[in-house]
Amino acid sequence: MTTSVLVPSSLAREAEDRREATRKLGYVARAAAVYRVDRLTVYPDPDGAGKWEDGFVETVLRYAATPPHLRKEMWGKRDELECVGVLPPLRVRSQTGSGSEGSGSLRQGIVTEVGADGRVRVNCGMQHPISLPVPADMDVAQGERVTVRVSSRRPVRAKLVDAPTTGFDVVAADLDAALSRDDAGLTIASSRYGEPVTSTRLGQLAERRDAEGGMTVAFGAPERGLPSILDVAPDAVGGDQTSDEPEGFDLWLNTVPNQGSEVVRTEEALFASLTCLTLTE
């Protein structure tokens, strides 16, 4: 089952400085990690562009999703990453925590060199990059992230394994393309104008989500909710949508139906929405 989250490129538009913008994106990355999101997609919202350069949101989120021991190798120094020191640690399982250094542990690595002898050099957070043979059924390229099973550190014993990388992927895509993916599952728009989520409705949502093989949940930006971004009237959304609706969503839901604040920030909406939408029956 796949869980995808869609956020706009205008996500940090109201932040006063780069430090505040980066911290805000850190909370989004934390939500993606906590709720085991598989893919975090940044969709364009050119009409809501703020003061930050194109690609700022995607770059910071991709950096946050990169295992700490690979960040320097993959990113170096970039203006967008000036304040990444305020990002909270994600502590994604199999990247950090007790047991991550133990026998048979999986670690993420980046291929730094591809040799002509069927071997590659991989930086996976050891003291030095290690040379590993490439299995016959694998094809890897320089700069690619790979999974390494480490069975011993002294002496080093490790091998490349065909296993998915841990954590979540960050990509950029148009909203329509993200919603039309084969693995999109149940598509949900999070909006204060949507149908209020109730305890009775949650059971139905879990059943439908599982039947669809996962879900995709989309969020708006500060002062620019999804109706504004999609240029649809707020009273035109809510509840189940028909397949020919231009919005492209199966459901419009309000996951904070009794909000006490005038505005629920996007990062707050992620935690509130994913808390209830990831519940099992």
Protein backbone atom coordinates (compact mmCIF):
# COMPACT_ATOMS: atom_id res chain seq x y z
CA MET A 1 0.00 0.00 0.00
CA THR A 2 1.38 3.39 -1.04
CA THR A 3 0.89 6.67 0.80
CA SER A 4 1.61 9.86 -1.11
CA VAL A 5 1.41 13.47 0.02
CA LEU A 6 1.18 16.49 -2.29
CA VAL A 7 2.27 19.97 -1.16
CA PRO A 8 2.55 23.17 -3.23
CA SER A 9 5.71 25.00 -4.21
CA SER A 10 4.24 28.00 -2.34
CA LEU A 11 4.33 26.08 0.95
CA ALA A 12 6.77 28.50 2.62
CA ARG A 13 5.45 31.68 1.01
CA GLU A 14 4.61 33.47 4.27
CA ALA A 15 7.91 32.78 6.05
CA GLU A 16 9.77 35.98 6.94
CA ASP A 17 13.25 34.59 6.46
CA ARG A 18 15.06 31.52 5.14
CA ARG A 19 15.50 30.11 8.63
CA GLU A 20 11.77 30.17 9.34
CA ALA A 21 10.99 28.73 5.90
CA THR A 22 13.45 25.88 6.42
CA ARG A 23 12.06 25.10 9.88
CA LYS A 24 8.55 24.93 8.44
CA LEU A 25 9.66 22.48 5.78
CA GLY A 26 11.36 20.43 8.49
CA TYR A 27 7.98 19.87 10.15
CA VAL A 28 6.57 18.70 6.81
CA ALA A 29 9.44 16.23 6.45
CA ARG A 30 8.88 15.04 10.03
CA ALA A 31 5.22 14.34 9.28
CA ALA A 32 6.21 12.37 6.17
CA ALA A 33 8.66 10.30 8.21
CA VAL A 34 6.38 9.72 11.21
CA TYR A 35 3.47 8.50 9.08
CA ARG A 36 5.64 6.44 6.72
CA VAL A 37 4.81 8.40 3.60
CA ASP A 38 6.29 6.78 0.49
CA ARG A 39 6.36 9.80 -1.80
CA LEU A 40 6.26 13.54 -1.10
CA THR A 41 5.40 15.46 -4.27
CA VAL A 42 5.88 19.20 -4.69
CA TYR A 43 3.40 20.55 -7.25
CA PRO A 44 3.73 24.01 -8.86
CA ASP A 45 1.71 26.96 -7.59
CA PRO A 46 3.15 29.85 -9.64
CA ASP A 47 0.37 32.26 -8.67
CA GLY A 48 1.27 31.84 -5.01
CA ALA A 49 5.02 32.21 -5.38
CA GLY A 50 6.66 34.02 -2.49
CA LYS A 51 10.15 35.41 -2.04
CA TRP A 52 12.01 32.10 -2.36
CA GLU A 53 13.79 30.91 -5.48
CA ASP A 54 12.28 28.27 -7.76
CA GLY A 55 12.93 24.80 -6.39
CA PHE A 56 13.56 25.96 -2.82
CA VAL A 57 10.82 23.81 -1.27
CA GLU A 58 11.76 20.70 -3.24
CA THR A 59 15.49 21.11 -2.52
CA VAL A 60 15.10 21.51 1.24
CA LEU A 61 12.68 18.58 1.46
CA ARG A 62 14.99 16.36 -0.59
CA TYR A 63 17.88 17.31 1.65
CA ALA A 64 15.82 16.51 4.75
CA ALA A 65 14.92 13.11 3.28
CA THR A 66 18.57 12.27 2.60
CA PRO A 67 20.24 10.12 5.30
CA PRO A 68 22.55 12.34 7.38
CA HIS A 69 25.72 10.45 6.44
CA LEU A 70 25.05 11.07 2.73
CA ARG A 71 24.14 14.76 2.81
CA LYS A 72 27.61 16.23 2.36
CA GLU A 73 28.40 13.88 -0.54
CA MET A 74 25.09 14.50 -2.30
CA TRP A 75 24.51 18.19 -1.70
CA GLY A 76 27.67 20.09 -0.91
CA LYS A 77 26.95 23.80 -0.36
CA ARG A 78 23.91 25.50 -1.88
CA ASP A 79 22.17 28.79 -1.11
CA GLU A 80 18.85 27.01 -0.51
CA LEU A 81 20.48 24.93 2.22
CA GLU A 82 21.92 27.85 4.18
CA CYS A 83 19.74 27.17 7.26
CA VAL A 84 19.38 23.37 7.22
CA GLY A 85 20.88 23.24 10.70
CA VAL A 86 17.37 23.95 12.06
CA LEU A 87 15.89 20.85 10.42
CA PRO A 88 14.72 18.30 12.99
CA PRO A 89 16.24 14.80 12.73
CA LEU A 90 13.91 12.34 11.00
CA ARG A 91 15.40 9.25 12.63
CA VAL A 92 13.97 7.00 9.93
CA ARG A 93 14.28 3.35 10.92
CA SER A 94 17.34 1.52 9.57
CA GLN A 95 19.12 4.88 9.15
CA THR A 96 19.63 5.80 12.80
CA GLY A 97 18.93 4.54 16.28
CA SER A 98 20.07 1.52 18.27
CA GLY A 99 20.75 -1.48 16.10
CA SER A 100 21.62 0.50 12.97
CA GLU A 101 25.26 -0.46 13.39
CA GLY A 102 24.58 -4.09 14.27
CA SER A 103 25.23 -7.27 12.34
CA GLY A 104 23.14 -7.53 9.22
CA SER A 105 21.87 -3.95 9.39
CA LEU A 106 20.71 -2.13 6.26
CA ARG A 107 22.27 1.23 5.43
CA GLN A 108 21.71 3.70 2.65
CA GLY A 109 24.70 4.50 0.47
CA ILE A 110 25.58 6.56 -2.57
CA VAL A 111 27.65 5.21 -5.46
CA THR A 112 30.72 7.43 -5.79
CA GLU A 113 32.55 5.48 -8.51
CA VAL A 114 31.69 2.74 -11.01
CA GLY A 115 34.59 0.50 -12.00
CA ALA A 116 35.09 -1.56 -15.14
CA ASP A 117 35.52 -4.75 -13.11
CA GLY A 118 31.92 -5.05 -11.99
CA ARG A 119 32.58 -3.30 -8.72
CA VAL A 120 31.51 0.05 -7.33
CA ARG A 121 32.66 2.29 -4.51
CA VAL A 122 29.91 3.21 -2.10
CA ASN A 123 29.79 5.85 0.63
CA CYS A 124 27.50 4.42 3.30
CA GLY A 125 28.68 6.30 6.35
CA MET A 126 31.70 4.13 7.12
CA GLN A 127 35.10 5.71 7.71
CA HIS A 128 35.88 5.43 3.99
CA PRO A 129 33.89 4.49 0.85
CA ILE A 130 33.88 0.71 0.41
CA SER A 131 34.37 -1.35 -2.74
CA LEU A 132 31.54 -3.80 -3.43
CA PRO A 133 30.72 -6.19 -6.27
CA VAL A 134 27.51 -5.47 -8.15
CA PRO A 135 25.11 -8.44 -8.19
CA ALA A 136 24.36 -9.79 -11.67
CA ASP A 137 20.70 -8.77 -11.45
CA MET A 138 21.45 -5.15 -10.46
CA ASP A 139 22.43 -2.13 -12.54
CA VAL A 140 23.73 0.90 -10.65
CA ALA A 141 25.12 4.25 -11.76
CA GLN A 142 27.34 6.87 -10.20
CA GLY A 143 25.41 9.13 -7.85
CA GLU A 144 22.65 6.57 -7.33
CA ARG A 145 21.37 5.76 -3.84
CA VAL A 146 21.64 2.08 -2.99
CA THR A 147 21.00 -0.21 -0.02
CA VAL A 148 23.92 -1.96 1.64
CA ARG A 149 23.69 -4.82 4.12
CA VAL A 150 26.54 -4.51 6.62
CA SER A 151 27.29 -7.73 8.50
CA SER A 152 30.58 -6.61 10.06
CA ARG A 153 32.43 -3.32 10.49
CA ARG A 154 35.81 -4.74 11.60
CA PRO A 155 36.72 -6.20 9.24
CA VAL A 156 34.25 -4.67 6.83
CA ARG A 157 31.83 -7.20 5.37
CA ALA A 158 29.01 -5.78 3.28
CA LYS A 159 27.09 -6.34 0.08
CA LEU A 160 24.66 -4.53 -2.18
CA VAL A 161 21.09 -5.75 -1.83
CA ASP A 162 18.05 -5.19 -4.00
CA ALA A 163 15.93 -3.52 -1.34
CA PRO A 164 13.98 -0.27 -1.43
CA THR A 165 15.59 2.76 0.16
CA THR A 166 14.14 3.70 3.52
CA GLY A 167 12.24 6.88 4.21
CA PHE A 168 10.38 8.78 1.50
CA ASP A 169 11.13 10.07 -1.98
CA VAL A 170 10.71 13.75 -2.86
CA VAL A 171 9.72 14.57 -6.44
CA ALA A 172 8.31 17.50 -8.40
CA ALA A 173 5.25 16.95 -10.59
CA ASP A 174 2.11 18.65 -11.80
CA LEU A 175 -0.97 18.04 -9.68
CA ASP A 176 -2.78 16.27 -12.52
CA ALA A 177 0.15 13.93 -13.13
CA ALA A 178 0.46 13.07 -9.44
CA LEU A 179 -3.25 12.28 -9.16
CA SER A 180 -3.28 10.10 -12.28
CA ARG A 181 -0.44 7.78 -11.22
CA ASP A 182 -1.24 4.08 -11.25
CA ASP A 183 -0.42 3.87 -7.54
CA ALA A 184 -2.29 7.04 -6.51
CA GLY A 185 -5.01 5.02 -4.80
CA LEU A 186 -7.75 6.98 -3.08
CA THR A 187 -7.20 10.68 -3.86
CA ILE A 188 -8.09 13.10 -1.07
CA ALA A 189 -8.06 16.90 -0.95
CA SER A 190 -7.57 18.37 2.52
CA SER A 191 -9.63 21.54 2.91
CA ARG A 192 -11.66 23.36 5.54
CA TYR A 193 -14.49 23.35 2.97
CA GLY A 194 -14.52 19.56 2.65
CA GLU A 195 -16.75 17.03 4.31
CA PRO A 196 -16.03 16.91 8.08
CA VAL A 197 -14.33 13.70 9.15
CA THR A 198 -16.29 11.80 11.81
CA SER A 199 -15.60 8.61 13.78
CA THR A 200 -18.20 6.82 11.67
CA ARG A 201 -16.66 8.07 8.43
CA LEU A 202 -13.16 6.95 9.42
CA GLY A 203 -14.02 3.26 9.20
CA GLN A 204 -15.42 3.72 5.70
CA LEU A 205 -12.33 5.67 4.65
CA ALA A 206 -9.97 2.96 5.92
CA GLU A 207 -11.89 0.29 4.04
CA ARG A 208 -11.92 2.28 0.81
CA ARG A 209 -8.23 3.24 1.15
CA ASP A 210 -7.23 -0.41 1.56
CA ALA A 211 -9.39 -1.45 -1.38
CA GLU A 212 -7.70 1.19 -3.56
CA GLY A 213 -4.24 0.03 -2.50
CA GLY A 214 -3.26 3.27 -0.76
CA MET A 215 -4.00 6.97 -0.90
CA THR A 216 -2.79 10.34 -2.11
CA VAL A 217 -3.50 13.35 0.10
CA ALA A 218 -3.09 16.91 -1.19
CA PHE A 219 -2.67 20.09 0.82
CA GLY A 220 -2.76 23.78 0.05
CA ALA A 221 -0.54 26.69 1.08
CA PRO A 222 -0.85 29.45 3.69
CA GLU A 223 -3.76 31.71 2.71
CA ARG A 224 -4.09 29.68 -0.49
CA GLY A 225 -6.11 26.55 0.12
CA LEU A 226 -6.69 23.99 -2.58
CA PRO A 227 -9.91 25.66 -3.86
CA SER A 228 -7.92 28.87 -4.43
CA ILE A 229 -5.01 27.07 -6.07
CA LEU A 230 -7.37 25.10 -8.34
CA ASP A 231 -9.59 28.14 -8.96
CA VAL A 232 -12.79 26.42 -7.83
CA ALA A 233 -15.51 27.83 -5.63
CA PRO A 234 -15.37 26.62 -2.00
CA ASP A 235 -19.05 25.62 -2.10
CA ALA A 236 -18.36 23.41 -5.15
CA VAL A 237 -16.25 20.94 -3.18
CA GLY A 238 -17.05 18.52 -0.41
CA GLY A 239 -17.71 14.82 -0.08
CA ASP A 240 -17.42 12.34 -2.93
CA GLN A 241 -16.54 13.70 -6.35
CA THR A 242 -17.55 12.20 -9.67
CA SER A 243 -14.85 10.99 -12.05
CA ASP A 244 -15.40 13.90 -14.44
CA GLU A 245 -14.80 16.60 -11.84
CA PRO A 246 -12.00 18.93 -12.92
CA GLU A 247 -10.41 18.83 -9.46
CA GLY A 248 -9.49 15.17 -9.98
CA PHE A 249 -10.06 14.11 -6.35
CA ASP A 250 -12.20 11.28 -5.04
CA LEU A 251 -12.87 13.12 -1.77
CA TRP A 252 -12.62 16.57 -0.23
CA LEU A 253 -12.23 16.21 3.53
CA ASN A 254 -11.98 18.55 6.50
CA THR A 255 -9.81 16.70 9.01
CA VAL A 256 -9.96 19.53 11.60
CA PRO A 257 -13.73 20.13 11.63
CA ASN A 258 -13.77 22.10 14.88
CA GLN A 259 -10.66 24.18 14.45
CA GLY A 260 -10.22 26.86 17.08
CA SER A 261 -7.71 28.87 15.08
CA GLU A 262 -8.72 30.95 12.09
CA VAL A 263 -6.02 29.28 10.02
CA VAL A 264 -4.53 25.78 10.27
CA ARG A 265 -0.99 25.83 8.93
CA THR A 266 -0.05 23.33 6.25
CA GLU A 267 2.41 21.47 8.48
CA GLU A 268 -0.27 21.26 11.20
CA ALA A 269 -2.79 19.99 8.66
CA LEU A 270 -0.38 17.23 7.63
CA PHE A 271 -0.16 15.88 11.17
CA ALA A 272 -3.91 16.21 11.77
CA SER A 273 -4.88 14.62 8.47
CA LEU A 274 -2.40 11.75 8.43
CA THR A 275 -3.23 10.88 12.04
CA CYS A 276 -6.79 9.96 11.16
CA LEU A 277 -6.32 8.87 7.55
CA THR A 278 -3.68 6.26 8.40
CA LEU A 279 -5.80 4.56 11.06
CA THR A 280 -6.60 0.89 10.50
CA GLU A 281 -9.96 -0.75 11.02
